[in-house]
Protein backbone atom coordinates (compact mmCIF):
# COMPACT_ATOMS: atom_id res chain seq x y z
CA MET A 1 -25.30 -10.05 37.18
CA ALA A 2 -21.68 -9.38 36.81
CA LEU A 3 -22.12 -5.60 36.01
CA MET A 4 -24.08 -5.39 39.34
CA LYS A 5 -21.23 -6.74 41.44
CA PRO A 6 -20.00 -3.92 43.89
CA GLU A 7 -16.37 -4.85 43.11
CA ALA A 8 -17.08 -3.82 39.36
CA GLN A 9 -17.52 -0.27 40.58
CA LEU A 10 -19.69 0.70 37.95
CA PRO A 11 -22.54 3.13 37.91
CA THR A 12 -26.24 1.94 38.81
CA ILE A 13 -27.45 -1.00 36.71
CA HIS A 14 -31.12 -1.41 35.97
CA PRO A 15 -31.84 -5.20 35.76
CA PHE A 16 -34.89 -4.51 33.56
CA ALA A 17 -32.62 -3.52 30.85
CA ALA A 18 -30.09 -6.44 30.84
CA VAL A 19 -30.57 -7.31 27.05
CA LEU A 20 -29.81 -3.73 26.47
CA TYR A 21 -26.63 -3.75 28.39
CA GLN A 22 -25.57 -6.97 26.97
CA ASP A 23 -26.26 -5.75 23.28
CA GLU A 24 -24.45 -2.43 23.70
CA LEU A 25 -21.44 -3.78 25.28
CA PHE A 26 -21.19 -6.72 22.92
CA ASN A 27 -21.35 -4.27 19.99
CA LEU A 28 -18.73 -1.97 21.60
CA GLN A 29 -16.42 -4.83 22.36
CA GLU A 30 -16.62 -5.91 18.81
CA GLN A 31 -15.56 -2.71 17.53
CA SER A 32 -12.61 -2.73 19.81
CA SER A 33 -9.31 -3.88 18.05
CA LEU A 34 -8.42 -5.80 21.18
CA TYR A 35 -11.82 -7.24 22.06
CA TYR A 36 -11.24 -5.51 25.40
CA LEU A 37 -12.84 -2.63 27.04
CA ALA A 38 -10.88 -0.31 29.36
CA PRO A 39 -12.61 0.30 32.86
CA GLU A 40 -13.19 3.91 31.91
CA GLU A 41 -14.96 2.97 28.55
CA LEU A 42 -16.99 0.35 30.37
CA SER A 43 -18.16 2.74 32.95
CA THR A 44 -19.05 5.51 30.37
CA THR A 45 -20.94 3.04 28.39
CA VAL A 46 -22.95 1.58 31.18
CA GLU A 47 -23.81 5.36 32.23
CA LYS A 48 -25.12 6.10 28.72
CA VAL A 49 -26.88 2.74 28.30
CA SER A 50 -28.57 3.26 31.87
CA ALA A 51 -29.95 6.74 30.73
CA VAL A 52 -31.30 5.26 27.50
CA ALA A 53 -32.99 2.44 29.53
CA LEU A 54 -34.68 4.88 31.67
CA LEU A 55 -35.68 6.80 28.71
CA ASN A 56 -37.17 3.72 27.15
CA GLN A 57 -38.94 2.91 30.19
CA ALA A 58 -40.42 6.57 30.37
CA LEU A 59 -41.60 6.25 26.75
CA GLU A 60 -43.25 2.88 27.32
CA THR A 61 -45.26 4.21 30.36
CA GLU A 62 -46.22 7.33 28.21
CA ASP A 63 -45.33 9.57 31.26
CA LEU A 64 -44.68 12.93 29.44
CA GLU A 65 -42.98 14.64 32.43
CA LEU A 66 -40.87 11.77 33.10
CA THR A 67 -40.14 11.36 29.43
CA GLN A 68 -39.09 15.19 29.37
CA ASP A 69 -36.87 14.77 32.23
CA ARG A 70 -35.05 11.80 30.89
CA LEU A 71 -34.58 13.57 27.50
CA ARG A 72 -32.70 16.51 29.49
CA ASN A 73 -30.26 13.89 30.93
CA PRO A 74 -26.80 14.93 29.57
CA LEU A 75 -25.88 11.32 29.22
CA ILE A 76 -28.59 10.88 26.54
CA ASP A 77 -26.36 13.14 24.69
CA PHE A 78 -29.12 15.09 22.71
CA LYS A 79 -27.57 18.32 21.40
CA ASN A 80 -29.56 21.42 20.86
CA LEU A 81 -32.71 19.99 22.37
CA ASP A 82 -35.44 22.44 21.77
CA GLU A 83 -37.62 22.72 24.80
CA ALA A 84 -40.58 24.27 22.77
CA HIS A 85 -40.75 20.66 21.04
CA LEU A 86 -40.53 18.51 24.14
CA GLU A 87 -44.36 17.87 24.35
CA ARG A 88 -44.35 16.33 20.87
């Protein structure tokens, strides 16, 4: 809920992925030597986690077109994604 507050000025948060956000942010915070996340780091992480949450949702619904679209999202950070293999 805290991530969804307008004053946090974060990218779109998907409530269905609350556990994913919590887990990833906790892991990132533990890796930080100061146990503190800079605003830029928090924003970038939220963007990436949101992209992964949407990909997970597409995979769960078995929607091929939506899954392919989600895989193309640059925030997913797949390098050298071969379009010829997307249907697999």
